[in-house]
Amino acid sequence: MPRGKLALLTLSLVALSASPGRADVLLTPFVGANVGGSSSSALFQLAGDADRTNFGASLALMSGGVLGIEADFGYTPRFFGAELPIATFPVTIAQNRVITAMANLTAGVPLQSRSGVGVRPYGVAGLGLIRQQIDVLGGFNAYTSNDLGYDIGGGIMLFFGPHVGVRGDIRHFRSVGGGIVSDLIDLDPGAFNFTRTSVGVTFRY
């Protein structure tokens, strides 16, 4: 069984067995860097070094402070390099971007004092949209792909009080291969994948 599907199944079973309790709303804007991975299109394999900086935000609702759901949005404005050296000067020949929008199940154990100071390790897995886009000079759209994908990962939150903390997070994203029903059910790995690392400030309500 693929790791992504196994993680989703495990988190689903745990969430269904959880008892209701007070819910925490966690909002985390973040910034980070993407590492590794490969593209599903040769158009993305352009010359030059990529700026792998990513930005985004996550919004989680944790039932009882332990189990919950999360909406995660990530944006990388320059996923692959798009510059060619002309007369020793780098010239931008295209713009490219990658967008992810995921709906996740998440589980984390809060270890904290009555004042809210504490730590929360967590795991996360889910499904959503992975969008690749490249525009060449003049604004011409050379390639766009909107794929079903999944993510799996985890991290840790450190809270300095009842409402504010910091989060370190790492997640692996991969598109789902093919376009037939069996691929979607089995979550067969697609060609496009990368790992996102990030840090952010978490606001707890």
Protein backbone atom coordinates (compact mmCIF):
# COMPACT_ATOMS: atom_id res chain seq x y z
CA MET A 1 0.00 0.00 0.00
CA PRO A 2 1.45 3.45 -0.93
CA ARG A 3 2.65 5.49 2.02
CA GLY A 4 0.29 8.35 1.16
CA LYS A 5 -2.79 6.13 1.16
CA LEU A 6 -1.73 4.35 4.35
CA ALA A 7 -1.30 7.66 6.17
CA LEU A 8 -4.68 8.92 4.99
CA LEU A 9 -6.38 5.70 6.13
CA THR A 10 -4.70 5.81 9.53
CA LEU A 11 -5.61 9.43 10.19
CA SER A 12 -9.20 8.82 9.03
CA LEU A 13 -9.67 5.92 11.46
CA VAL A 14 -8.22 7.90 14.34
CA ALA A 15 -10.38 10.93 13.56
CA LEU A 16 -13.55 8.82 13.42
CA SER A 17 -12.79 7.30 16.82
CA ALA A 18 -12.06 10.62 18.51
CA SER A 19 -14.43 12.04 21.10
CA PRO A 20 -15.61 15.62 20.63
CA GLY A 21 -14.06 18.38 22.74
CA ARG A 22 -12.99 21.99 22.69
CA ALA A 23 -11.66 23.00 19.30
CA ASP A 24 -8.54 25.06 18.63
CA VAL A 25 -8.34 27.18 15.49
CA LEU A 26 -4.73 27.48 14.29
CA LEU A 27 -3.74 30.00 11.61
CA THR A 28 -0.15 29.75 10.32
CA PRO A 29 1.29 32.01 7.62
CA PHE A 30 4.63 30.55 6.52
CA VAL A 31 7.69 30.96 4.33
CA GLY A 32 10.12 28.25 3.30
CA ALA A 33 12.02 26.47 0.55
CA ASN A 34 11.29 23.56 -1.76
CA VAL A 35 13.86 20.79 -2.14
CA GLY A 36 14.31 17.90 -4.55
CA GLY A 37 11.59 16.65 -6.84
CA SER A 38 10.99 16.47 -10.58
CA SER A 39 8.61 17.97 -13.12
CA SER A 40 6.00 16.34 -15.30
CA SER A 41 6.88 18.61 -18.23
CA ALA A 42 10.17 19.13 -20.09
CA LEU A 43 9.17 22.79 -20.42
CA PHE A 44 10.01 23.23 -16.75
CA GLN A 45 13.54 21.90 -17.20
CA LEU A 46 14.98 25.30 -18.10
CA ALA A 47 18.50 26.62 -17.69
CA GLY A 48 19.52 28.61 -14.66
CA ASP A 49 19.13 28.25 -10.93
CA ALA A 50 15.66 28.19 -9.49
CA ASP A 51 14.52 30.35 -6.61
CA ARG A 52 12.78 27.70 -4.51
CA THR A 53 11.27 30.15 -1.98
CA ASN A 54 7.64 29.37 -1.15
CA PHE A 55 4.93 31.28 0.68
CA GLY A 56 1.54 30.30 2.02
CA ALA A 57 -0.78 29.75 4.94
CA SER A 58 -2.50 26.92 6.78
CA LEU A 59 -5.77 27.02 8.69
CA ALA A 60 -6.48 24.08 11.01
CA LEU A 61 -9.41 23.18 13.24
CA MET A 62 -8.24 20.76 15.94
CA SER A 63 -11.05 18.89 17.72
CA GLY A 64 -10.19 18.60 21.37
CA GLY A 65 -6.82 20.11 20.52
CA VAL A 66 -5.63 16.72 19.18
CA LEU A 67 -7.36 15.72 15.94
CA GLY A 68 -8.67 17.85 13.15
CA ILE A 69 -8.77 19.09 9.60
CA GLU A 70 -6.59 21.60 7.79
CA ALA A 71 -6.70 23.74 4.66
CA ASP A 72 -3.21 24.46 3.29
CA PHE A 73 -2.23 26.83 0.47
CA GLY A 74 1.29 27.13 -0.93
CA TYR A 75 2.77 29.29 -3.69
CA THR A 76 6.20 29.13 -5.33
CA PRO A 77 6.67 32.04 -7.79
CA ARG A 78 9.80 30.54 -9.43
CA PHE A 79 9.83 26.79 -9.03
CA PHE A 80 12.43 26.13 -11.75
CA GLY A 81 15.15 28.32 -13.19
CA ALA A 82 14.08 30.31 -16.23
CA GLU A 83 17.21 32.27 -17.15
CA LEU A 84 19.79 31.87 -19.90
CA PRO A 85 23.24 33.48 -19.82
CA ILE A 86 23.56 35.84 -22.79
CA ALA A 87 26.90 37.66 -23.03
CA THR A 88 27.50 36.60 -19.40
CA PHE A 89 24.28 38.34 -18.28
CA PRO A 90 21.30 36.26 -17.06
CA VAL A 91 18.21 36.92 -19.17
CA THR A 92 14.80 35.77 -18.03
CA ILE A 93 13.07 33.83 -20.80
CA ALA A 94 9.99 32.63 -18.94
CA GLN A 95 8.01 32.86 -15.74
CA ASN A 96 6.81 29.76 -13.92
CA ARG A 97 4.92 29.05 -10.76
CA VAL A 98 3.57 26.15 -8.71
CA ILE A 99 0.46 26.38 -6.53
CA THR A 100 -0.80 23.78 -4.06
CA ALA A 101 -4.18 23.76 -2.32
CA MET A 102 -4.71 20.83 0.04
CA ALA A 103 -7.43 19.54 2.37
CA ASN A 104 -5.72 17.54 5.11
CA LEU A 105 -6.36 15.37 8.12
CA THR A 106 -4.04 16.20 10.98
CA ALA A 107 -3.24 14.72 14.39
CA GLY A 108 -1.12 16.30 17.08
CA VAL A 109 -0.64 15.82 20.82
CA PRO A 110 -0.58 19.11 22.79
CA LEU A 111 1.88 19.09 25.71
CA GLN A 112 1.38 22.36 27.53
CA SER A 113 0.91 24.14 30.83
CA ARG A 114 -2.24 25.93 31.97
CA SER A 115 -0.76 29.18 30.69
CA GLY A 116 -0.64 27.74 27.18
CA VAL A 117 3.15 27.42 26.98
CA GLY A 118 4.07 24.10 25.40
CA VAL A 119 4.85 21.98 22.37
CA ARG A 120 2.69 20.13 19.84
CA PRO A 121 4.21 17.54 17.46
CA TYR A 122 1.86 16.59 14.63
CA GLY A 123 1.40 14.59 11.45
CA VAL A 124 -0.60 15.56 8.37
CA ALA A 125 -1.80 13.97 5.12
CA GLY A 126 -4.38 14.87 2.50
CA LEU A 127 -5.50 15.45 -1.08
CA GLY A 128 -5.90 18.50 -3.24
CA LEU A 129 -4.79 20.52 -6.26
CA ILE A 130 -1.26 20.84 -7.63
CA ARG A 131 -1.02 23.46 -10.39
CA GLN A 132 2.01 23.99 -12.64
CA GLN A 133 2.18 26.95 -15.01
CA ILE A 134 4.78 28.46 -17.31
CA ASP A 135 4.54 31.67 -19.38
CA VAL A 136 7.19 32.65 -21.89
CA LEU A 137 8.14 36.20 -22.87
CA GLY A 138 5.18 38.29 -23.95
CA GLY A 139 2.81 36.56 -21.55
CA PHE A 140 2.19 33.53 -23.78
CA ASN A 141 1.04 30.53 -21.76
CA ALA A 142 3.22 27.60 -22.83
CA TYR A 143 2.08 25.03 -20.27
CA THR A 144 -0.55 24.66 -17.55
CA SER A 145 -1.39 21.52 -15.61
CA ASN A 146 -3.99 21.15 -12.85
CA ASP A 147 -3.49 17.77 -11.19
CA LEU A 148 -4.94 15.88 -8.28
CA GLY A 149 -2.17 15.36 -5.76
CA TYR A 150 -1.47 14.31 -2.20
CA ASP A 151 0.79 15.49 0.57
CA ILE A 152 2.21 13.79 3.65
CA GLY A 153 4.41 15.17 6.40
CA GLY A 154 4.54 16.64 9.85
CA GLY A 155 6.28 19.04 12.13
CA ILE A 156 6.27 20.67 15.53
CA MET A 157 4.68 23.77 17.07
CA LEU A 158 6.17 25.68 20.00
CA PHE A 159 3.79 27.97 21.91
CA PHE A 160 4.99 30.85 24.07
CA GLY A 161 1.55 31.50 25.54
CA PRO A 162 -2.13 30.80 24.89
CA HIS A 163 -2.30 32.46 21.48
CA VAL A 164 1.07 32.70 19.68
CA GLY A 165 3.73 30.17 18.69
CA VAL A 166 6.09 29.12 15.90
CA ARG A 167 5.88 26.11 13.58
CA GLY A 168 8.49 24.06 11.74
CA ASP A 169 7.02 21.88 8.99
CA ILE A 170 8.12 19.47 6.23
CA ARG A 171 5.78 17.92 3.64
CA HIS A 172 6.17 15.85 0.49
CA PHE A 173 3.85 16.64 -2.44
CA ARG A 174 3.20 14.37 -5.41
CA SER A 175 0.75 14.42 -8.29
CA VAL A 176 -1.47 11.41 -8.92
CA GLY A 177 -0.49 9.57 -12.10
CA GLY A 178 -2.77 8.93 -15.05
CA GLY A 179 -6.33 10.02 -15.54
CA ILE A 180 -8.41 6.90 -14.96
CA VAL A 181 -10.54 6.03 -11.95
CA SER A 182 -8.19 3.28 -10.69
CA ASP A 183 -5.31 5.78 -10.52
CA LEU A 184 -7.37 8.13 -8.37
CA ILE A 185 -8.45 5.34 -6.03
CA ASP A 186 -4.98 3.80 -5.70
CA LEU A 187 -3.15 7.16 -5.52
CA ASP A 188 -0.59 5.90 -8.02
CA PRO A 189 2.41 8.26 -7.95
CA GLY A 190 2.62 10.83 -10.74
CA ALA A 191 5.69 12.43 -12.29
CA PHE A 192 5.59 15.76 -10.47
CA ASN A 193 6.83 15.80 -6.88
CA PHE A 194 8.77 17.93 -4.41
CA THR A 195 9.35 18.41 -0.69
CA ARG A 196 8.40 21.66 1.04
CA THR A 197 10.13 22.88 4.19
CA SER A 198 8.77 25.92 6.01
CA VAL A 199 8.67 27.94 9.19
CA GLY A 200 5.77 30.09 10.31
CA VAL A 201 4.06 31.96 13.10
CA THR A 202 1.00 30.16 14.51
CA PHE A 203 -1.93 32.10 15.95
CA ARG A 204 -4.20 30.04 18.20
CA TYR A 205 -7.83 30.99 18.86
